[in-house]
Amino acid sequence: MIELKQGHIADFVERTKGAPSTNTLS
């Protein structure tokens, strides 16, 4: 389960880095 979480976080970081204008935290 931790692996899935890490993968999700990595995707989130990549998305935030690629498009800081888009807030996925909302």
PDB file of N, CA and C in Angstrom:
ATOM      1  N   MET A   1       0.854  -1.215   0.000  1.00  0.00           N
ATOM      2  CA  MET A   1       0.000   0.000   0.000  1.00  0.00           C
ATOM      3  C   MET A   1       0.882   1.255   0.000  1.00  0.00           C
ATOM      4  N   ILE A   2       1.995   1.167   0.704  1.00  0.00           N
ATOM      5  CA  ILE A   2       2.904   2.331   0.750  1.00  0.00           C
ATOM      6  C   ILE A   2       3.396   2.645  -0.657  1.00  0.00           C
ATOM      7  N   GLU A   3       3.640   1.572  -1.445  1.00  0.00           N
ATOM      8  CA  GLU A   3       4.137   1.785  -2.813  1.00  0.00           C
ATOM      9  C   GLU A   3       3.129   2.621  -3.604  1.00  0.00           C
ATOM     10  N   LEU A   4       1.862   2.308  -3.442  1.00  0.00           N
ATOM     11  CA  LEU A   4       0.825   3.053  -4.164  1.00  0.00           C
ATOM     12  C   LEU A   4       0.838   4.509  -3.715  1.00  0.00           C
ATOM     13  N   LYS A   5       1.005   4.712  -2.424  1.00  0.00           N
ATOM     14  CA  LYS A   5       1.017   6.088  -1.899  1.00  0.00           C
ATOM     15  C   LYS A   5       2.207   6.843  -2.484  1.00  0.00           C
ATOM     16  N   GLN A   6       3.377   6.194  -2.461  1.00  0.00           N
ATOM     17  CA  GLN A   6       4.585   6.848  -2.991  1.00  0.00           C
ATOM     18  C   GLN A   6       4.378   7.201  -4.458  1.00  0.00           C
ATOM     19  N   GLY A   7       3.783   6.271  -5.216  1.00  0.00           N
ATOM     20  CA  GLY A   7       3.553   6.526  -6.643  1.00  0.00           C
ATOM     21  C   GLY A   7       2.618   7.713  -6.812  1.00  0.00           C
ATOM     22  N   HIS A   8       1.583   7.773  -5.982  1.00  0.00           N
ATOM     23  CA  HIS A   8       0.619   8.878  -6.078  1.00  0.00           C
ATOM     24  C   HIS A   8       1.308  10.205  -5.757  1.00  0.00           C
ATOM     25  N   ILE A   9       2.132  10.181  -4.731  1.00  0.00           N
ATOM     26  CA  ILE A   9       2.857  11.411  -4.337  1.00  0.00           C
ATOM     27  C   ILE A   9       3.785  11.846  -5.463  1.00  0.00           C
ATOM     28  N   ALA A  10       4.472  10.866  -6.065  1.00  0.00           N
ATOM     29  CA  ALA A  10       5.405  11.184  -7.162  1.00  0.00           C
ATOM     30  C   ALA A  10       4.630  11.834  -8.304  1.00  0.00           C
ATOM     31  N   ASP A  11       3.462  11.277  -8.607  1.00  0.00           N
ATOM     32  CA  ASP A  11       2.641  11.845  -9.687  1.00  0.00           C
ATOM     33  C   ASP A  11       2.213  13.265  -9.315  1.00  0.00           C
ATOM     34  N   PHE A  12       1.841  13.443  -8.054  1.00  0.00           N
ATOM     35  CA  PHE A  12       1.397  14.765  -7.598  1.00  0.00           C
ATOM     36  C   PHE A  12       2.540  15.776  -7.707  1.00  0.00           C
ATOM     37  N   VAL A  13       3.728  15.344  -7.289  1.00  0.00           N
ATOM     38  CA  VAL A  13       4.899  16.244  -7.349  1.00  0.00           C
ATOM     39  C   VAL A  13       5.190  16.598  -8.800  1.00  0.00           C
ATOM     40  N   GLU A  14       5.138  15.581  -9.670  1.00  0.00           N
ATOM     41  CA  GLU A  14       5.417  15.838 -11.092  1.00  0.00           C
ATOM     42  C   GLU A  14       4.394  16.819 -11.654  1.00  0.00           C
ATOM     43  N   ARG A  15       3.134  16.633 -11.274  1.00  0.00           N
ATOM     44  CA  ARG A  15       2.066  17.524 -11.766  1.00  0.00           C
ATOM     45  C   ARG A  15       2.298  18.944 -11.222  1.00  0.00           C
ATOM     46  N   THR A  16       2.627  19.046  -9.960  1.00  0.00           N
ATOM     47  CA  THR A  16       2.845  20.372  -9.366  1.00  0.00           C
ATOM     48  C   THR A  16       4.046  21.052 -10.015  1.00  0.00           C
ATOM     49  N   LYS A  17       5.086  20.250 -10.303  1.00  0.00           N
ATOM     50  CA  LYS A  17       6.295  20.834 -10.904  1.00  0.00           C
ATOM     51  C   LYS A  17       6.006  21.220 -12.355  1.00  0.00           C
ATOM     52  N   GLY A  18       5.229  20.382 -13.040  1.00  0.00           N
ATOM     53  CA  GLY A  18       4.929  20.638 -14.458  1.00  0.00           C
ATOM     54  C   GLY A  18       3.954  21.803 -14.591  1.00  0.00           C
ATOM     55  N   ALA A  19       2.992  21.882 -13.682  1.00  0.00           N
ATOM     56  CA  ALA A  19       2.001  22.960 -13.776  1.00  0.00           C
ATOM     57  C   ALA A  19       1.681  23.486 -12.384  1.00  0.00           C
ATOM     58  N   PRO A  20       2.516  24.361 -11.849  1.00  0.00           N
ATOM     59  CA  PRO A  20       2.295  24.926 -10.513  1.00  0.00           C
ATOM     60  C   PRO A  20       1.009  25.749 -10.449  1.00  0.00           C
ATOM     61  N   SER A  21       0.541  26.156 -11.616  1.00  0.00           N
ATOM     62  CA  SER A  21      -0.684  26.974 -11.651  1.00  0.00           C
ATOM     63  C   SER A  21      -1.883  26.126 -11.248  1.00  0.00           C
ATOM     64  N   THR A  22      -1.795  24.822 -11.532  1.00  0.00           N
ATOM     65  CA  THR A  22      -2.927  23.935 -11.207  1.00  0.00           C
ATOM     66  C   THR A  22      -2.765  23.395  -9.795  1.00  0.00           C
ATOM     67  N   ASN A  23      -3.743  23.637  -8.950  1.00  0.00           N
ATOM     68  CA  ASN A  23      -3.671  23.138  -7.568  1.00  0.00           C
ATOM     69  C   ASN A  23      -4.495  21.866  -7.430  1.00  0.00           C
ATOM     70  N   THR A  24      -3.819  20.734  -7.216  1.00  0.00           N
ATOM     71  CA  THR A  24      -4.555  19.469  -7.080  1.00  0.00           C
ATOM     72  C   THR A  24      -4.974  19.252  -5.629  1.00  0.00           C
ATOM     73  N   LEU A  25      -4.524  20.137  -4.737  1.00  0.00           N
ATOM     74  CA  LEU A  25      -4.862  19.975  -3.320  1.00  0.00           C
ATOM     75  C   LEU A  25      -6.327  20.338  -3.083  1.00  0.00           C
ATOM     76  N   SER A  26      -6.853  21.212  -3.903  1.00  0.00           N
ATOM     77  CA  SER A  26      -8.241  21.656  -3.719  1.00  0.00           C
ATOM     78  C   SER A  26      -9.152  20.451  -3.623  1.00  0.00           C
TER      79      SER A  26
END
